[in-house]
Amino acid sequence: MANYFAYTDDDLAALAAKNKKLGAAIARIGRIDRVVQPDLFAALVESIIGQQISGKAAGTIKDRLVTLTGGITPTAIAALPDEG
C-alpha cells in the first residue's frame, strides 16, 4: 500500500493565497496525491532520473534500474560496472 504526502485543506489554501499563479493552478487541478518514497537514497536517485525527462521515461528507467540492481541502494549502485 502506497504512502502519500500528507497535507490539509488549510495547507492547500495557504499555498494558494501565497501566489496568484499557484492559486489558479490549485483551483484548476485540485488536490494531488503524491506518493512518498520512504527510502531517502532511492528518492534521491528517482529525483535525479526524473529531472530532465518525462515522467513515463523516468518510470521506465527507474524500473530498469530496480531490475538490474534488485533495489535502489547505495551498495547496489556502487556494485554496478562502469560500462553497461
N, C-alpha and C. Protein backbone atom coordinates (compact mmCIF):
# COMPACT_ATOMS: atom_id res chain seq x y z
N MET A 1 0.85 -1.19 0.00
CA MET A 1 0.00 0.00 0.00
C MET A 1 0.89 1.25 0.00
N ALA A 2 0.58 2.17 -0.87
CA ALA A 2 1.38 3.39 -1.01
C ALA A 2 1.12 4.36 0.13
N ASN A 3 2.16 5.07 0.48
CA ASN A 3 2.08 6.14 1.45
C ASN A 3 2.03 7.46 0.68
N TYR A 4 1.13 8.35 1.06
CA TYR A 4 1.01 9.62 0.34
C TYR A 4 1.44 10.78 1.23
N PHE A 5 2.02 11.80 0.59
CA PHE A 5 2.40 13.02 1.30
C PHE A 5 1.16 13.64 1.93
N ALA A 6 1.23 13.90 3.22
CA ALA A 6 0.05 14.40 3.94
C ALA A 6 0.04 15.93 3.98
N TYR A 7 -1.09 16.50 3.61
CA TYR A 7 -1.30 17.93 3.77
C TYR A 7 -2.80 18.19 3.91
N THR A 8 -3.12 19.28 4.57
CA THR A 8 -4.52 19.59 4.86
C THR A 8 -5.08 20.58 3.85
N ASP A 9 -6.39 20.75 3.89
CA ASP A 9 -7.04 21.77 3.05
C ASP A 9 -6.53 23.17 3.42
N ASP A 10 -6.25 23.37 4.72
CA ASP A 10 -5.69 24.66 5.15
C ASP A 10 -4.31 24.89 4.55
N ASP A 11 -3.49 23.84 4.47
CA ASP A 11 -2.17 23.95 3.84
C ASP A 11 -2.33 24.35 2.38
N LEU A 12 -3.25 23.71 1.69
CA LEU A 12 -3.50 23.99 0.29
C LEU A 12 -3.98 25.44 0.10
N ALA A 13 -4.86 25.87 0.97
CA ALA A 13 -5.37 27.24 0.90
C ALA A 13 -4.26 28.25 1.16
N ALA A 14 -3.36 27.95 2.08
CA ALA A 14 -2.24 28.85 2.38
C ALA A 14 -1.32 28.98 1.17
N LEU A 15 -1.04 27.86 0.51
CA LEU A 15 -0.22 27.91 -0.70
C LEU A 15 -0.91 28.74 -1.78
N ALA A 16 -2.19 28.51 -1.97
CA ALA A 16 -2.94 29.23 -3.00
C ALA A 16 -2.94 30.74 -2.73
N ALA A 17 -2.98 31.11 -1.46
CA ALA A 17 -3.00 32.53 -1.09
C ALA A 17 -1.64 33.20 -1.27
N LYS A 18 -0.57 32.42 -1.26
CA LYS A 18 0.79 32.97 -1.36
C LYS A 18 1.13 33.49 -2.75
N ASN A 19 0.54 32.88 -3.78
CA ASN A 19 0.94 33.21 -5.13
C ASN A 19 -0.27 33.08 -6.06
N LYS A 20 -0.52 34.13 -6.84
CA LYS A 20 -1.69 34.17 -7.71
C LYS A 20 -1.69 33.02 -8.73
N LYS A 21 -0.54 32.79 -9.40
CA LYS A 21 -0.46 31.74 -10.41
C LYS A 21 -0.60 30.36 -9.77
N LEU A 22 0.04 30.16 -8.64
CA LEU A 22 -0.07 28.89 -7.93
C LEU A 22 -1.51 28.67 -7.48
N GLY A 23 -2.15 29.73 -6.99
CA GLY A 23 -3.55 29.64 -6.58
C GLY A 23 -4.46 29.24 -7.73
N ALA A 24 -4.20 29.81 -8.91
CA ALA A 24 -5.00 29.46 -10.09
C ALA A 24 -4.78 28.00 -10.48
N ALA A 25 -3.53 27.54 -10.39
CA ALA A 25 -3.23 26.14 -10.72
C ALA A 25 -3.91 25.20 -9.72
N ILE A 26 -3.87 25.54 -8.45
CA ILE A 26 -4.52 24.72 -7.43
C ILE A 26 -6.02 24.67 -7.67
N ALA A 27 -6.61 25.81 -8.02
CA ALA A 27 -8.05 25.85 -8.29
C ALA A 27 -8.40 24.99 -9.50
N ARG A 28 -7.53 24.99 -10.51
CA ARG A 28 -7.79 24.23 -11.73
C ARG A 28 -7.53 22.73 -11.53
N ILE A 29 -6.43 22.38 -10.86
CA ILE A 29 -6.01 20.98 -10.73
C ILE A 29 -6.61 20.30 -9.50
N GLY A 30 -6.68 21.05 -8.40
CA GLY A 30 -7.19 20.47 -7.16
C GLY A 30 -6.12 19.71 -6.40
N ARG A 31 -6.55 18.87 -5.51
CA ARG A 31 -5.67 18.11 -4.64
C ARG A 31 -4.88 17.08 -5.45
N ILE A 32 -3.60 16.94 -5.13
CA ILE A 32 -2.75 15.96 -5.77
C ILE A 32 -2.24 15.00 -4.70
N ASP A 33 -2.44 13.71 -4.93
CA ASP A 33 -1.90 12.71 -4.01
C ASP A 33 -0.53 12.30 -4.53
N ARG A 34 0.51 12.66 -3.79
CA ARG A 34 1.90 12.37 -4.17
C ARG A 34 2.42 11.23 -3.32
N VAL A 35 2.83 10.15 -3.97
CA VAL A 35 3.37 9.00 -3.26
C VAL A 35 4.71 9.39 -2.62
N VAL A 36 4.89 9.00 -1.37
CA VAL A 36 6.13 9.26 -0.65
C VAL A 36 7.04 8.05 -0.78
N GLN A 37 8.28 8.29 -1.18
CA GLN A 37 9.29 7.24 -1.23
C GLN A 37 10.00 7.26 0.13
N PRO A 38 9.77 6.26 0.99
CA PRO A 38 10.32 6.30 2.34
C PRO A 38 11.84 6.13 2.40
N ASP A 39 12.44 5.51 1.38
CA ASP A 39 13.89 5.32 1.35
C ASP A 39 14.52 6.58 0.74
N LEU A 40 15.27 7.33 1.54
CA LEU A 40 15.80 8.61 1.08
C LEU A 40 16.78 8.48 -0.08
N PHE A 41 17.62 7.44 -0.07
CA PHE A 41 18.55 7.26 -1.18
C PHE A 41 17.79 6.97 -2.47
N ALA A 42 16.83 6.06 -2.41
CA ALA A 42 16.03 5.74 -3.59
C ALA A 42 15.27 6.98 -4.07
N ALA A 43 14.77 7.79 -3.14
CA ALA A 43 14.06 9.02 -3.50
C ALA A 43 15.00 9.98 -4.24
N LEU A 44 16.25 10.08 -3.78
CA LEU A 44 17.23 10.94 -4.44
C LEU A 44 17.51 10.46 -5.86
N VAL A 45 17.74 9.14 -6.01
CA VAL A 45 18.01 8.58 -7.34
C VAL A 45 16.83 8.81 -8.27
N GLU A 46 15.61 8.55 -7.78
CA GLU A 46 14.41 8.76 -8.60
C GLU A 46 14.27 10.22 -9.00
N SER A 47 14.60 11.13 -8.09
CA SER A 47 14.52 12.55 -8.40
C SER A 47 15.52 12.94 -9.48
N ILE A 48 16.74 12.42 -9.39
CA ILE A 48 17.76 12.71 -10.40
C ILE A 48 17.32 12.17 -11.76
N ILE A 49 16.80 10.95 -11.78
CA ILE A 49 16.34 10.36 -13.04
C ILE A 49 15.27 11.23 -13.69
N GLY A 50 14.34 11.74 -12.87
CA GLY A 50 13.19 12.45 -13.41
C GLY A 50 13.39 13.92 -13.70
N GLN A 51 14.58 14.46 -13.43
CA GLN A 51 14.76 15.90 -13.56
C GLN A 51 14.67 16.44 -14.98
N GLN A 52 15.18 15.71 -15.95
CA GLN A 52 15.27 16.26 -17.29
C GLN A 52 14.48 15.48 -18.33
N ILE A 53 13.70 14.50 -17.89
CA ILE A 53 12.97 13.67 -18.84
C ILE A 53 11.51 13.54 -18.41
N SER A 54 10.70 12.99 -19.28
CA SER A 54 9.28 12.85 -18.98
C SER A 54 9.06 11.84 -17.85
N GLY A 55 7.92 11.94 -17.22
CA GLY A 55 7.57 11.03 -16.13
C GLY A 55 7.53 9.58 -16.59
N LYS A 56 7.02 9.34 -17.78
CA LYS A 56 6.94 7.97 -18.30
C LYS A 56 8.34 7.41 -18.54
N ALA A 57 9.22 8.20 -19.15
CA ALA A 57 10.59 7.75 -19.38
C ALA A 57 11.32 7.54 -18.06
N ALA A 58 11.12 8.43 -17.10
CA ALA A 58 11.75 8.29 -15.79
C ALA A 58 11.30 7.01 -15.11
N GLY A 59 10.00 6.71 -15.20
CA GLY A 59 9.48 5.49 -14.60
C GLY A 59 10.09 4.24 -15.21
N THR A 60 10.26 4.26 -16.54
CA THR A 60 10.86 3.13 -17.25
C THR A 60 12.32 2.94 -16.81
N ILE A 61 13.07 4.03 -16.73
CA ILE A 61 14.46 3.96 -16.31
C ILE A 61 14.56 3.47 -14.87
N LYS A 62 13.71 3.98 -13.99
CA LYS A 62 13.74 3.54 -12.59
C LYS A 62 13.43 2.06 -12.50
N ASP A 63 12.43 1.59 -13.24
CA ASP A 63 12.08 0.17 -13.23
C ASP A 63 13.24 -0.68 -13.72
N ARG A 64 13.92 -0.24 -14.77
CA ARG A 64 15.09 -0.98 -15.29
C ARG A 64 16.21 -1.02 -14.25
N LEU A 65 16.42 0.10 -13.56
CA LEU A 65 17.46 0.16 -12.54
C LEU A 65 17.14 -0.78 -11.38
N VAL A 66 15.88 -0.82 -10.97
CA VAL A 66 15.46 -1.74 -9.90
C VAL A 66 15.67 -3.19 -10.35
N THR A 67 15.31 -3.49 -11.59
CA THR A 67 15.50 -4.85 -12.12
C THR A 67 16.99 -5.21 -12.16
N LEU A 68 17.82 -4.29 -12.58
CA LEU A 68 19.25 -4.51 -12.70
C LEU A 68 19.92 -4.69 -11.35
N THR A 69 19.49 -3.92 -10.36
CA THR A 69 20.17 -3.91 -9.06
C THR A 69 19.48 -4.74 -7.99
N GLY A 70 18.21 -5.04 -8.20
CA GLY A 70 17.45 -5.73 -7.16
C GLY A 70 16.89 -4.77 -6.13
N GLY A 71 17.21 -3.50 -6.24
CA GLY A 71 16.73 -2.47 -5.32
C GLY A 71 17.69 -1.29 -5.37
N ILE A 72 17.16 -0.11 -5.26
CA ILE A 72 17.99 1.10 -5.35
C ILE A 72 18.58 1.38 -3.97
N THR A 73 19.81 0.91 -3.79
CA THR A 73 20.54 1.16 -2.54
C THR A 73 21.93 1.64 -2.90
N PRO A 74 22.61 2.33 -2.00
CA PRO A 74 23.98 2.76 -2.30
C PRO A 74 24.88 1.57 -2.66
N THR A 75 24.76 0.47 -1.95
CA THR A 75 25.59 -0.71 -2.21
C THR A 75 25.31 -1.28 -3.60
N ALA A 76 24.02 -1.39 -3.97
CA ALA A 76 23.65 -1.93 -5.28
C ALA A 76 24.15 -1.03 -6.41
N ILE A 77 24.04 0.27 -6.24
CA ILE A 77 24.50 1.21 -7.26
C ILE A 77 26.02 1.14 -7.38
N ALA A 78 26.71 1.11 -6.25
CA ALA A 78 28.19 1.05 -6.27
C ALA A 78 28.70 -0.24 -6.90
N ALA A 79 27.93 -1.31 -6.82
CA ALA A 79 28.35 -2.60 -7.37
C ALA A 79 28.17 -2.69 -8.89
N LEU A 80 27.48 -1.74 -9.49
CA LEU A 80 27.29 -1.76 -10.94
C LEU A 80 28.61 -1.52 -11.66
N PRO A 81 28.81 -2.20 -12.79
CA PRO A 81 30.03 -1.94 -13.57
C PRO A 81 29.98 -0.54 -14.18
N ASP A 82 31.14 0.04 -14.44
CA ASP A 82 31.19 1.37 -15.03
C ASP A 82 30.60 1.39 -16.44
N GLU A 83 30.75 0.29 -17.16
CA GLU A 83 30.22 0.21 -18.52
C GLU A 83 29.11 -0.83 -18.56
N GLY A 84 28.02 -0.49 -19.23
CA GLY A 84 26.88 -1.39 -19.26
C GLY A 84 26.86 -2.17 -20.49
